[in-house]
Amino acid sequence: MLHRSRRALCAVIAALLLALAGHTLPARAQVAPAAQADAFTVSGVKVDVTTANPNAGRDQAISEAQRKAWDTLYQRLVPGGKAPRLSDHDLARLVAGFEIDEEKLAANRYVGTMTVRFRPQAVRDQLGGSGAAYVEPPSQPLVVLPVTVVDGKPILWEDRTPWRSAWEARERGSSLVPLVVPEGEMEDLQAIGAQDAVNGAADPLAAIARRYSANGVVVARTTLPASGEPTRGQPLAVDVVRYGLDGSREQFPVSVRVDADDRPADALARGVTFVAAALDEAWKRDNTAVSGGEQTVAVAVPVGRLEDWIETRKRLATVQAVTRADLLSLSRMEALVALTFRGDVERLRQAMARRDLGLTQAAPRVDAGVVPAPALELRALPRGAGASQPAAPLPAAAPVPPPMAAPAGPGVVMGAPPRDLGTIPARRY
């Protein structure tokens, strides 16, 4: 049987005593880890150098660790890219600092493990100057809730399971998306329970995300025997669900091979690594900044209510390929937008679909008046429906002239739009 966590049991007893006494728990300050700093930190960099003396060996090892860390960071931020060779001076401009986690000195050998921290803006400037299409790391972390199902019962805080311990042992700075594993303190227990996590209950998920200033919550659920350890020779199956604060939900399975000679702890650690890698790939897929020149196309957005247009704009603001959206006109039934984006129209359609926005070819129009006829039509889809949208040939983007001032018909607003209605601020790349 799993051993009951002494900390969790004490927390439950304390909550009962306080409740009986009529007291409320004091509110704790929100936990706000430096998420972006973690994304620009590379840990576990191993070096092994041979030199004439230990001091020279340490200096050489630090230099080698920084170059290895730069290679790792570049591959983390630039999908499929190979880090360019930088001079010592240029590399020094990117490094904010380093820590020696472990070292062994000998007469002519230095072996160590280091953590290298990079300057986020300096790295962005380096990538932007190279013209590479890179991934902008998330500004906030994701909260990970490791749920173990034993005999049909989900366990989150009640027991210190091996699956939870594997997540707690995970090294920070080892992935693109910063991940936070709650410690299971009283405020965590009050925010969400195991069944709420499994059911994807919106309010408890939002509560635990707020507590850690997170951008969303990941429920990593696996079913294990009563021992809490995976069965040797059988795959470790992890059901991963990522919940966004905007109500989005993405589910994907992770399967880890467990060999007969694997130690249980090693198999669970690999499971943690695989889940983190899957979250990184999902973030890269949705947030790779497209390189190349900009182009603009007229897009019609059917709207039945003002709220429809606001929701479409909100989703549009999360599409990395889109750099600007200017409202040309707004009627009771439709908004006409000059959409500026990077890349081609097909890649734009794919990026839109991942944000539950459907981009299709617009129906021909006989008379567009003073407003350019839209080439494309954009609709907000039900959450989760974007990935199932079939691909259809789309026309190439055509230049859109600036909006012309002209008398507006009933219910139509012409000319430059109010900023709070129609403009998505341009992003820096």
Foldseek 3Di string as FASTA:
>chain_A
DFDWDPQLVVLVVVVVVCVVVVHDDDDDAFAEDQFQQLLQKAWFQKDKDFAQAQVVQVVVRVLVSLVVSQQVSCCQWFPPDGDDDDDPVLSVQFWPDKDWPDWDDDGTMIITTMMTTTDVVSVVVVCVVVLTFTFRFDRFAAEEFEWEAEPNDTATQGGCALLLVLVVPDDTSHHRGGYDYDPSHNQLVVLDGRVCLVVVPLRSQVSVCRRHVGQWYKYWYWYDYPNRFHDAQDKTKIWIWIAGNVGAIDIDIDIFGHHNPDDRSVRSNVVSVRVRVVVSVVSCLQGGQAGDDKAKFKEKEFDQDLVQLVVVVVLVLSRNFWFKWFWAKDANTITIITTMGDDWPQSVQLNCLVSQKHKAADDDDDDPDQADDGGIYIGRHPHPCSVVDDDDDGDTGDHGDAWDDDDDDPRMDGDGDDPVRIIRHGDDD
